[in-house]
Amino acid sequence: MRAKGWRNVFSFTFLQYIKTKSFIVGNIIICVIVAAICVLTNVLPVAMSGSDSSDVGDENDPGTEVSDFFKAGEVSLFDEVEILAKDDKSTLSEIFKDRFSEPQSSLDDVVEELKTTEAMKIAVQITARTDKDGKVTGYEVRSYYSSAAKGSVDELNGVVEELINRRILLNAGVSPEKYEDTQVSVFTSKTEAGGKNLNSIQGMINYALPMLVSIVLFMFIFTYGSVVAQSIATEKTSRVMELLLTSVRPLAVVIGKVLAMGLVSFLQFFLMIGVGAASFAISSPFGWMSKAAELLKNPEIQDALSQMGQSGGTIGAVAGVSSSDIEIAQTMNEFTKVFTPFNIATIIVIFILGFLFFSLIAALIGASVSRMEDLQAAMSPYSLIGVFGMYLAYFPVIFNADALQSGDGSVNPVQLFSYYCPISSPFALPGAVMVGTISPMNVLISVLVLAVFVVLIAIVVSKVYEAIILHNGNRIKFGDIIKMAVRK
């Protein structure tokens, strides 16, 4: 049998690689980074939403740079158009207490003082914009600040802008009691007929997930494929291969090494998933996942989700639940639908086929060199193919951002091509499966196309590997390998 002895090569390569210090330390570092990212992703949104930045006058605020300014900073107001009334200035006085003033000196003198002072001071100038007839079309708020107050300018401008808007409405006849009723936000969205109506969180996931998945899979598939080439080249150039071939057939060497590194990458990939899942589970009581789980237990939200599934729309208003909480519940409900047995099995199959495709090519390249100095030059075509495949999967997603964020299911021609091209499909398909931009039938066709190319590469390997592994002359070019496969 031409592959006799591959199990010995497999077990030796696998055990040798996982025992190296670089592999162990590298995995520890990767696990720590993955755990930190998952914990921050879970906890940080809740922590950020829990701090109300609009409460700038709260003396009990623990103190960021902005809140420190509202506690200790000084404000000088130059209202050149007198848009702010006495009540508005009283509001500023309450916020800054005795640190708010309408200075008697000129703006230029105050700005000169700001250049040298070490205190947190800001001078605010309000001017009007007019048309050619002198009619006021808007107002401009320009702030001059000392270096110590640099991080607080935008927050203060927001306060002044809100006071101006309020005063405009009051001057137009809106009563103070009705003013609060006018403070509502209007959000717009667009959905192609027949497409999904995604909320903002789902749209961001749809956009970012395919790019993230393509990068991660590229790192695993391409990196471990390169390790296969380096391992074979090292053993060949150090004459270890000649001793190895006395007990096993040449084809068994490539099969054993490719499968061993495939198992290593597969285990490392699932190690990252396991660490990430565990990190989310541990931090869930303090993060948005716990909040989402509690929201999904709400009977009214469950009914709304059921109606959404029947109508294909989004969840409407639910009594006692904010719009942001509804989006979280809807996103979690849709996110759980991603991890179906079909999707998981498909992603695993794509990962295995992608690894075999690139690793078999790398094994041929590693066997074609007789000196380690030639390996880098020999790997250049392999590197170009891999990088081109990754970018072919990555960049079409960027140019299709609107469709992904709206969920209309449309894909551009380059994106569609990346699903079927064997050099890009291992990186493009998993993300497309997760966000639902490719139908199950097209997934099956794409996987079959990739499998056919893996078989073709395996046939080339079986025909020429035994010849090139024993070659000790000049480096064999990839074109020569193809010619050898055709002649055999």
Protein backbone atom coordinates (compact mmCIF):
# COMPACT_ATOMS: atom_id res chain seq x y z
CA MET A 1 0.00 0.00 0.00
CA ARG A 2 1.37 3.42 -1.03
CA ALA A 3 0.15 5.08 2.19
CA LYS A 4 1.35 2.37 4.55
CA GLY A 5 2.81 3.80 7.76
CA TRP A 6 0.90 7.11 7.75
CA ARG A 7 -0.42 6.45 11.27
CA ASN A 8 3.10 6.41 12.68
CA VAL A 9 3.94 9.67 10.95
CA PHE A 10 0.64 11.14 12.15
CA SER A 11 1.15 10.26 15.82
CA PHE A 12 4.82 11.30 15.83
CA THR A 13 4.14 14.69 14.17
CA PHE A 14 1.12 15.43 16.35
CA LEU A 15 2.83 14.62 19.67
CA GLN A 16 6.04 16.37 18.68
CA TYR A 17 4.23 19.60 17.78
CA ILE A 18 1.89 19.87 20.77
CA LYS A 19 4.79 19.32 23.19
CA THR A 20 6.79 22.31 21.97
CA LYS A 21 7.06 25.27 24.33
CA SER A 22 6.08 27.71 21.59
CA PHE A 23 2.82 25.86 21.00
CA ILE A 24 1.96 25.69 24.70
CA VAL A 25 2.87 29.32 25.45
CA GLY A 26 1.18 30.51 22.27
CA ASN A 27 -2.06 28.76 23.20
CA ILE A 28 -1.99 30.22 26.69
CA ILE A 29 -1.57 33.72 25.27
CA ILE A 30 -4.32 33.15 22.69
CA CYS A 31 -6.71 31.83 25.35
CA VAL A 32 -6.06 34.83 27.60
CA ILE A 33 -6.69 37.24 24.71
CA VAL A 34 -9.87 35.42 23.64
CA ALA A 35 -11.16 35.35 27.23
CA ALA A 36 -10.45 39.06 27.70
CA ILE A 37 -12.19 39.98 24.44
CA CYS A 38 -15.26 37.89 25.28
CA VAL A 39 -15.54 39.25 28.82
CA LEU A 40 -15.17 42.85 27.62
CA THR A 41 -17.67 42.26 24.80
CA ASN A 42 -20.17 40.95 27.34
CA VAL A 43 -19.62 43.37 30.22
CA LEU A 44 -18.49 46.63 28.60
CA PRO A 45 -21.78 47.51 26.85
CA VAL A 46 -23.67 47.17 30.12
CA ALA A 47 -21.06 49.18 32.01
CA MET A 48 -21.15 51.94 29.42
CA SER A 49 -24.93 52.07 29.29
CA GLY A 50 -25.07 52.22 33.08
CA SER A 51 -23.25 55.56 33.21
CA ASP A 52 -25.49 58.44 32.16
CA SER A 53 -23.21 61.00 30.57
CA SER A 54 -26.03 63.56 30.43
CA ASP A 55 -26.04 63.84 34.22
CA VAL A 56 -23.17 66.30 34.14
CA GLY A 57 -24.11 68.11 37.32
CA ASP A 58 -24.12 65.08 39.62
CA GLU A 59 -21.72 65.71 42.48
CA ASN A 60 -21.64 61.97 43.28
CA ASP A 61 -20.33 61.06 39.82
CA PRO A 62 -17.06 59.12 40.32
CA GLY A 63 -15.20 61.48 38.02
CA THR A 64 -14.09 61.11 34.44
CA GLU A 65 -12.32 63.92 32.62
CA VAL A 66 -15.68 65.36 31.55
CA SER A 67 -17.34 65.18 34.97
CA ASP A 68 -14.22 66.66 36.57
CA PHE A 69 -14.63 69.68 34.32
CA PHE A 70 -18.24 70.16 35.34
CA LYS A 71 -17.12 69.99 38.97
CA ALA A 72 -14.08 72.26 38.75
CA GLY A 73 -14.01 73.87 35.30
CA GLU A 74 -14.81 77.51 34.60
CA VAL A 75 -17.00 78.78 31.75
CA SER A 76 -17.15 82.24 30.21
CA LEU A 77 -20.16 82.91 27.95
CA PHE A 78 -20.10 85.39 25.07
CA ASP A 79 -23.70 85.38 23.79
CA GLU A 80 -23.30 87.93 21.01
CA VAL A 81 -26.85 87.47 19.68
CA GLU A 82 -28.52 87.17 23.09
CA ILE A 83 -30.35 83.98 22.14
CA LEU A 84 -30.14 82.60 25.68
CA ALA A 85 -32.59 84.04 28.17
CA LYS A 86 -32.09 84.66 31.87
CA ASP A 87 -33.50 81.23 32.73
CA ASP A 88 -30.99 79.52 30.43
CA LYS A 89 -28.10 81.34 32.04
CA SER A 90 -29.49 80.42 35.44
CA THR A 91 -29.30 76.77 34.35
CA LEU A 92 -25.63 77.20 33.51
CA SER A 93 -25.09 78.93 36.85
CA GLU A 94 -26.65 75.97 38.66
CA ILE A 95 -24.38 73.54 36.81
CA PHE A 96 -21.17 75.52 37.37
CA LYS A 97 -22.26 77.38 40.54
CA ASP A 98 -19.81 80.26 41.02
CA ARG A 99 -17.64 79.10 38.10
CA PHE A 100 -19.92 80.54 35.37
CA SER A 101 -19.62 84.15 34.22
CA GLU A 102 -20.44 86.64 31.50
CA PRO A 103 -17.09 88.47 31.42
CA GLN A 104 -16.73 92.19 30.90
CA SER A 105 -13.44 91.85 29.03
CA SER A 106 -13.26 91.05 25.35
CA LEU A 107 -13.20 87.54 23.89
CA ASP A 108 -9.68 88.13 22.55
CA ASP A 109 -8.39 88.92 26.05
CA VAL A 110 -9.99 85.77 27.47
CA VAL A 111 -8.55 83.61 24.68
CA GLU A 112 -5.07 85.04 25.37
CA GLU A 113 -5.48 84.06 29.02
CA LEU A 114 -6.52 80.52 28.03
CA LYS A 115 -3.22 80.03 26.19
CA THR A 116 -1.17 80.19 29.39
CA THR A 117 -3.46 79.06 32.19
CA GLU A 118 -3.17 75.60 33.73
CA ALA A 119 -6.78 75.64 34.97
CA MET A 120 -9.71 74.00 33.20
CA LYS A 121 -11.37 76.95 31.47
CA ILE A 122 -13.57 77.28 28.39
CA ALA A 123 -14.89 80.39 26.66
CA VAL A 124 -18.11 79.85 24.67
CA GLN A 125 -19.05 82.24 21.85
CA ILE A 126 -22.56 82.18 20.33
CA THR A 127 -23.07 83.88 16.97
CA ALA A 128 -25.85 83.86 14.37
CA ARG A 129 -25.75 82.74 10.75
CA THR A 130 -27.86 84.81 8.37
CA ASP A 131 -28.87 84.83 4.71
CA LYS A 132 -28.42 87.74 2.30
CA ASP A 133 -31.59 89.38 3.63
CA GLY A 134 -30.30 89.28 7.18
CA LYS A 135 -32.68 86.54 8.30
CA VAL A 136 -31.24 84.21 10.94
CA THR A 137 -30.81 80.70 9.53
CA GLY A 138 -28.90 79.15 12.40
CA TYR A 139 -26.59 79.63 15.32
CA GLU A 140 -22.93 78.73 15.79
CA VAL A 141 -21.40 77.69 19.11
CA ARG A 142 -17.62 78.10 19.10
CA SER A 143 -15.59 77.16 22.17
CA TYR A 144 -12.06 78.20 23.05
CA TYR A 145 -10.42 76.05 25.70
CA SER A 146 -7.29 75.70 27.78
CA SER A 147 -5.16 72.58 27.33
CA ALA A 148 -6.46 71.14 30.61
CA ALA A 149 -10.07 71.29 29.39
CA LYS A 150 -9.51 69.70 25.96
CA GLY A 151 -11.49 66.53 26.69
CA SER A 152 -14.57 68.42 27.92
CA VAL A 153 -15.37 70.76 25.04
CA ASP A 154 -17.77 68.50 23.15
CA GLU A 155 -19.78 67.79 26.29
CA LEU A 156 -20.13 71.49 27.09
CA ASN A 157 -21.05 72.32 23.49
CA GLY A 158 -23.81 69.73 23.73
CA VAL A 159 -25.22 71.42 26.83
CA VAL A 160 -25.22 74.85 25.18
CA GLU A 161 -26.75 73.44 21.99
CA GLU A 162 -29.59 71.87 23.97
CA LEU A 163 -30.25 75.19 25.77
CA ILE A 164 -30.38 77.04 22.42
CA ASN A 165 -32.79 74.51 20.90
CA ARG A 166 -34.98 74.71 23.96
CA ARG A 167 -35.02 78.51 23.85
CA ILE A 168 -35.96 78.51 20.13
CA LEU A 169 -38.99 76.33 20.86
CA LEU A 170 -40.02 78.40 23.88
CA ASN A 171 -39.73 81.59 21.82
CA ALA A 172 -41.93 79.96 19.16
CA GLY A 173 -44.71 79.54 21.71
CA VAL A 174 -44.13 76.03 23.05
CA SER A 175 -44.95 75.97 26.74
CA PRO A 176 -42.30 74.70 29.16
CA GLU A 177 -44.67 71.89 30.15
CA LYS A 178 -44.89 70.70 26.52
CA TYR A 179 -41.17 71.04 25.82
CA GLU A 180 -40.31 67.59 27.20
CA ASP A 181 -42.88 66.01 24.91
CA THR A 182 -40.97 67.35 21.91
CA GLN A 183 -37.70 65.68 22.95
CA VAL A 184 -38.03 62.45 20.99
CA SER A 185 -35.57 60.93 18.54
CA VAL A 186 -36.43 59.77 15.03
CA PHE A 187 -34.52 56.79 13.60
CA THR A 188 -34.68 55.77 9.96
CA SER A 189 -34.02 52.41 8.31
CA LYS A 190 -34.55 50.78 4.95
CA THR A 191 -35.51 47.24 3.99
CA GLU A 192 -35.90 45.80 0.52
CA ALA A 193 -39.25 44.09 0.04
CA GLY A 194 -38.90 40.44 0.98
CA GLY A 195 -35.73 41.02 3.00
CA LYS A 196 -35.17 40.80 6.73
CA ASN A 197 -35.96 43.82 8.85
CA LEU A 198 -32.88 43.94 11.07
CA ASN A 199 -32.30 46.19 14.04
CA SER A 200 -29.05 48.15 14.44
CA ILE A 201 -27.32 45.45 16.52
CA GLN A 202 -28.16 42.69 14.05
CA GLY A 203 -27.03 44.86 11.16
CA MET A 204 -23.65 45.41 12.78
CA ILE A 205 -23.26 41.67 13.43
CA ASN A 206 -24.19 40.86 9.84
CA TYR A 207 -21.53 43.28 8.63
CA ALA A 208 -18.69 42.45 11.03
CA LEU A 209 -19.10 38.68 11.46
CA PRO A 210 -18.16 37.57 7.90
CA MET A 211 -14.99 39.68 7.96
CA LEU A 212 -13.97 38.43 11.40
CA VAL A 213 -14.60 34.79 10.46
CA SER A 214 -12.63 35.11 7.21
CA ILE A 215 -9.61 36.50 9.06
CA VAL A 216 -9.69 33.85 11.81
CA LEU A 217 -10.05 30.95 9.37
CA PHE A 218 -7.29 32.36 7.18
CA MET A 219 -4.94 32.47 10.18
CA PHE A 220 -5.63 28.84 11.05
CA ILE A 221 -5.73 27.29 7.57
CA PHE A 222 -2.88 29.24 6.03
CA THR A 223 -0.58 29.19 9.07
CA TYR A 224 -0.78 25.46 9.67
CA GLY A 225 -0.46 24.79 5.95
CA SER A 226 2.83 26.68 6.06
CA VAL A 227 3.90 24.57 9.04
CA VAL A 228 3.35 21.42 6.96
CA ALA A 229 5.60 22.77 4.21
CA GLN A 230 8.30 23.82 6.66
CA SER A 231 8.22 20.46 8.46
CA ILE A 232 8.61 18.46 5.25
CA ALA A 233 11.33 20.77 3.92
CA THR A 234 13.25 20.61 7.20
CA GLU A 235 13.24 16.82 7.31
CA LYS A 236 14.16 16.57 3.64
CA THR A 237 17.08 18.99 3.77
CA SER A 238 18.41 17.51 7.04
CA ARG A 239 18.40 13.97 5.55
CA VAL A 240 15.89 12.82 8.17
CA MET A 241 13.51 12.09 5.31
CA GLU A 242 15.90 9.48 3.87
CA LEU A 243 15.86 7.58 7.17
CA LEU A 244 12.11 7.99 7.46
CA LEU A 245 11.53 6.56 3.99
CA THR A 246 13.25 3.31 4.94
CA SER A 247 10.21 2.37 7.04
CA VAL A 248 7.26 4.23 5.43
CA ARG A 249 6.22 5.11 1.92
CA PRO A 250 6.63 8.74 0.73
CA LEU A 251 2.89 9.27 0.32
CA ALA A 252 2.39 8.16 3.93
CA VAL A 253 4.62 11.03 5.04
CA VAL A 254 2.46 13.75 3.48
CA ILE A 255 -0.80 12.11 4.61
CA GLY A 256 0.43 11.72 8.18
CA LYS A 257 1.77 15.26 8.45
CA VAL A 258 -1.24 16.93 6.84
CA LEU A 259 -3.69 15.04 9.05
CA ALA A 260 -1.60 15.69 12.17
CA MET A 261 -1.45 19.45 11.59
CA GLY A 262 -5.11 19.37 10.63
CA LEU A 263 -5.97 17.86 13.99
CA VAL A 264 -3.79 20.42 15.77
CA SER A 265 -5.51 23.34 14.03
CA PHE A 266 -8.92 21.76 14.58
CA LEU A 267 -8.28 21.34 18.32
CA GLN A 268 -6.88 24.84 18.66
CA PHE A 269 -9.87 26.28 16.82
CA PHE A 270 -12.29 24.55 19.18
CA LEU A 271 -10.13 25.45 22.16
CA MET A 272 -10.69 29.12 21.27
CA ILE A 273 -14.42 28.51 20.90
CA GLY A 274 -14.51 26.69 24.25
CA VAL A 275 -12.59 29.42 26.06
CA GLY A 276 -14.79 32.08 24.49
CA ALA A 277 -17.99 30.25 25.45
CA ALA A 278 -16.74 29.68 29.00
CA SER A 279 -15.76 33.35 29.32
CA PHE A 280 -19.20 34.46 28.16
CA ALA A 281 -20.83 32.00 30.58
CA ILE A 282 -18.72 33.13 33.56
CA SER A 283 -19.23 36.83 32.84
CA SER A 284 -22.88 36.47 31.83
CA PRO A 285 -24.29 37.47 35.27
CA PHE A 286 -22.56 40.84 34.83
CA GLY A 287 -23.13 41.34 31.10
CA TRP A 288 -25.70 41.78 28.37
CA MET A 289 -26.15 38.03 27.83
CA SER A 290 -27.71 37.69 31.28
CA LYS A 291 -29.90 40.69 30.53
CA ALA A 292 -30.93 39.13 27.21
CA ALA A 293 -31.77 35.82 28.91
CA GLU A 294 -33.99 37.61 31.42
CA LEU A 295 -35.69 39.57 28.66
CA LEU A 296 -36.43 36.40 26.70
CA LYS A 297 -38.32 35.06 29.75
CA ASN A 298 -40.72 38.00 29.54
CA PRO A 299 -44.06 36.55 28.27
CA GLU A 300 -44.87 39.72 26.33
CA ILE A 301 -41.51 39.63 24.54
CA GLN A 302 -41.98 35.93 23.80
CA ASP A 303 -45.34 36.72 22.21
CA ALA A 304 -43.77 39.57 20.24
CA LEU A 305 -40.98 37.28 19.02
CA SER A 306 -43.56 34.73 17.95
CA GLN A 307 -45.50 37.35 16.01
CA MET A 308 -42.26 38.61 14.48
CA GLY A 309 -41.46 35.11 13.22
CA GLN A 310 -44.87 34.85 11.60
CA SER A 311 -44.82 38.28 9.97
CA GLY A 312 -41.09 38.62 9.22
CA GLY A 313 -41.03 42.06 10.80
CA THR A 314 -39.47 43.47 13.94
CA ILE A 315 -40.77 43.65 17.49
CA GLY A 316 -42.96 46.62 18.21
CA ALA A 317 -43.34 48.39 21.53
CA VAL A 318 -43.66 46.24 24.64
CA ALA A 319 -45.03 47.77 27.82
CA GLY A 320 -42.38 48.36 30.45
CA VAL A 321 -39.48 47.45 28.14
CA SER A 322 -37.20 50.00 26.45
CA SER A 323 -36.48 49.90 22.72
CA SER A 324 -32.81 49.08 23.37
CA ASP A 325 -33.81 46.07 25.51
CA ILE A 326 -36.15 44.89 22.76
CA GLU A 327 -33.26 45.03 20.28
CA ILE A 328 -31.09 42.97 22.64
CA ALA A 329 -33.80 40.31 23.01
CA GLN A 330 -34.44 40.20 19.27
CA THR A 331 -30.71 39.91 18.52
CA MET A 332 -30.22 37.09 21.02
CA ASN A 333 -33.23 35.25 19.61
CA GLU A 334 -31.84 35.48 16.06
CA PHE A 335 -28.30 34.71 17.19
CA THR A 336 -29.35 31.37 18.67
CA LYS A 337 -30.78 30.37 15.28
CA VAL A 338 -27.29 30.58 13.75
CA PHE A 339 -25.99 27.55 15.64
CA THR A 340 -28.17 24.91 14.04
CA PRO A 341 -26.79 21.38 13.49
CA PHE A 342 -26.67 22.04 9.74
CA ASN A 343 -24.68 25.27 10.13
CA ILE A 344 -22.24 23.75 12.61
CA ALA A 345 -21.68 20.65 10.45
CA THR A 346 -21.25 22.81 7.35
CA ILE A 347 -18.67 25.06 8.98
CA ILE A 348 -16.68 22.04 10.24
CA VAL A 349 -16.70 20.42 6.77
CA ILE A 350 -15.62 23.68 5.11
CA PHE A 351 -12.82 24.09 7.64
CA ILE A 352 -11.53 20.55 7.03
CA LEU A 353 -11.73 20.83 3.23
CA GLY A 354 -10.08 24.26 3.24
CA PHE A 355 -7.25 22.99 5.39
CA LEU A 356 -6.70 19.94 3.16
CA PHE A 357 -6.71 22.09 0.03
CA PHE A 358 -4.02 24.49 1.22
CA SER A 359 -2.00 21.94 3.19
CA LEU A 360 -1.65 19.53 0.27
CA ILE A 361 -0.36 22.39 -1.90
CA ALA A 362 2.04 23.40 0.89
CA ALA A 363 3.26 19.80 1.24
CA LEU A 364 4.14 19.68 -2.46
CA ILE A 365 6.03 22.97 -2.17
CA GLY A 366 7.93 21.77 0.90
CA ALA A 367 8.94 18.58 -0.90
CA SER A 368 10.09 20.47 -4.00
CA VAL A 369 13.03 22.26 -2.31
CA SER A 370 16.42 20.77 -1.54
CA ARG A 371 17.69 23.64 0.64
CA MET A 372 15.93 25.56 3.37
CA GLU A 373 17.14 28.78 1.75
CA ASP A 374 14.86 28.03 -1.21
CA LEU A 375 11.73 27.50 0.90
CA GLN A 376 10.78 31.15 1.23
CA ALA A 377 11.00 31.73 -2.52
CA ALA A 378 9.09 28.51 -3.19
CA MET A 379 6.33 29.56 -0.78
CA SER A 380 5.74 32.91 -2.50
CA PRO A 381 3.06 31.59 -4.93
CA TYR A 382 1.38 29.77 -2.04
CA SER A 383 1.37 32.98 0.02
CA LEU A 384 -0.06 35.00 -2.87
CA ILE A 385 -2.83 32.45 -3.44
CA GLY A 386 -3.75 32.40 0.24
CA VAL A 387 -3.73 36.18 0.70
CA PHE A 388 -5.70 36.71 -2.52
CA GLY A 389 -8.28 34.18 -1.35
CA MET A 390 -8.64 35.88 2.02
CA TYR A 391 -9.05 39.34 0.48
CA LEU A 392 -11.50 37.92 -2.05
CA ALA A 393 -13.60 36.82 0.92
CA TYR A 394 -12.99 39.98 2.98
CA PHE A 395 -13.34 42.99 0.69
CA PRO A 396 -16.66 42.15 -1.05
CA VAL A 397 -18.28 42.26 2.40
CA ILE A 398 -17.10 45.87 2.86
CA PHE A 399 -18.60 46.94 -0.47
CA ASN A 400 -21.88 45.19 0.35
CA ALA A 401 -22.34 46.83 3.74
CA ASP A 402 -25.82 48.27 3.05
CA ALA A 403 -27.27 44.91 2.01
CA LEU A 404 -25.73 43.09 4.96
CA GLN A 405 -26.88 45.66 7.51
CA SER A 406 -30.41 45.80 6.11
CA GLY A 407 -30.62 42.03 5.74
CA ASP A 408 -32.10 42.03 2.22
CA GLY A 409 -30.02 38.95 1.35
CA SER A 410 -28.48 40.34 -1.85
CA VAL A 411 -24.81 39.74 -2.67
CA ASN A 412 -22.57 41.43 -5.21
CA PRO A 413 -20.99 39.39 -8.05
CA VAL A 414 -17.52 39.32 -6.48
CA GLN A 415 -18.99 38.14 -3.18
CA LEU A 416 -20.88 35.39 -5.00
CA PHE A 417 -17.72 34.36 -6.85
CA SER A 418 -15.85 34.11 -3.54
CA TYR A 419 -18.34 31.46 -2.36
CA TYR A 420 -17.49 29.14 -5.27
CA CYS A 421 -13.79 29.86 -5.87
CA PRO A 422 -11.78 27.17 -3.99
CA ILE A 423 -9.05 29.58 -2.87
CA SER A 424 -11.57 31.89 -1.17
CA SER A 425 -14.55 29.68 -0.27
CA PRO A 426 -12.92 28.28 2.92
CA PHE A 427 -12.76 31.86 4.24
CA ALA A 428 -16.01 33.24 2.76
CA LEU A 429 -18.55 30.44 3.21
CA PRO A 430 -18.65 30.09 7.04
CA GLY A 431 -19.50 33.76 7.56
CA ALA A 432 -22.11 33.64 4.77
CA VAL A 433 -23.70 30.58 6.41
CA MET A 434 -23.89 32.37 9.76
CA VAL A 435 -25.54 35.54 8.47
CA GLY A 436 -27.75 33.72 5.95
CA THR A 437 -26.56 35.40 2.73
CA ILE A 438 -26.31 32.04 0.94
CA SER A 439 -29.01 29.38 0.57
CA PRO A 440 -28.49 25.77 1.75
CA MET A 441 -28.51 24.55 -1.87
CA ASN A 442 -25.77 27.00 -2.87
CA VAL A 443 -23.81 26.02 0.24
CA LEU A 444 -23.96 22.41 -0.88
CA ILE A 445 -22.79 23.33 -4.39
CA SER A 446 -19.92 25.43 -3.00
CA VAL A 447 -18.81 22.63 -0.70
CA LEU A 448 -18.93 20.13 -3.56
CA VAL A 449 -16.80 22.44 -5.75
CA LEU A 450 -14.25 22.75 -2.95
CA ALA A 451 -14.27 18.98 -2.40
CA VAL A 452 -13.65 18.36 -6.11
CA PHE A 453 -10.58 20.61 -6.05
CA VAL A 454 -9.31 18.89 -2.91
CA VAL A 455 -9.60 15.55 -4.72
CA LEU A 456 -7.76 16.98 -7.75
CA ILE A 457 -4.92 18.26 -5.55
CA ALA A 458 -4.81 14.88 -3.78
CA ILE A 459 -4.49 13.11 -7.15
CA VAL A 460 -1.58 15.38 -8.11
CA VAL A 461 0.08 14.66 -4.77
CA SER A 462 -0.34 10.91 -5.14
CA LYS A 463 1.20 10.99 -8.62
CA VAL A 464 4.26 13.17 -8.11
CA TYR A 465 5.05 13.28 -4.39
CA GLU A 466 7.20 10.14 -4.39
CA ALA A 467 9.32 11.59 -7.20
CA ILE A 468 9.85 15.10 -5.84
CA ILE A 469 10.49 14.06 -2.23
CA LEU A 470 13.63 12.23 -3.37
CA HIS A 471 14.76 15.07 -5.66
CA ASN A 472 17.95 16.82 -4.48
CA GLY A 473 18.74 19.15 -7.39
CA ASN A 474 17.44 22.62 -8.13
CA ARG A 475 14.06 23.62 -6.78
CA ILE A 476 11.19 22.13 -8.76
CA LYS A 477 8.78 24.81 -9.93
CA PHE A 478 5.04 24.41 -9.50
CA GLY A 479 4.51 24.28 -13.26
CA ASP A 480 6.94 21.37 -13.48
CA ILE A 481 4.94 19.54 -10.81
CA ILE A 482 1.76 19.93 -12.87
CA LYS A 483 3.57 18.59 -15.96
CA MET A 484 4.78 15.59 -13.99
CA ALA A 485 1.21 14.89 -12.82
CA VAL A 486 -0.14 15.08 -16.38
CA ARG A 487 2.50 12.68 -17.75
CA LYS A 488 1.96 10.05 -15.06
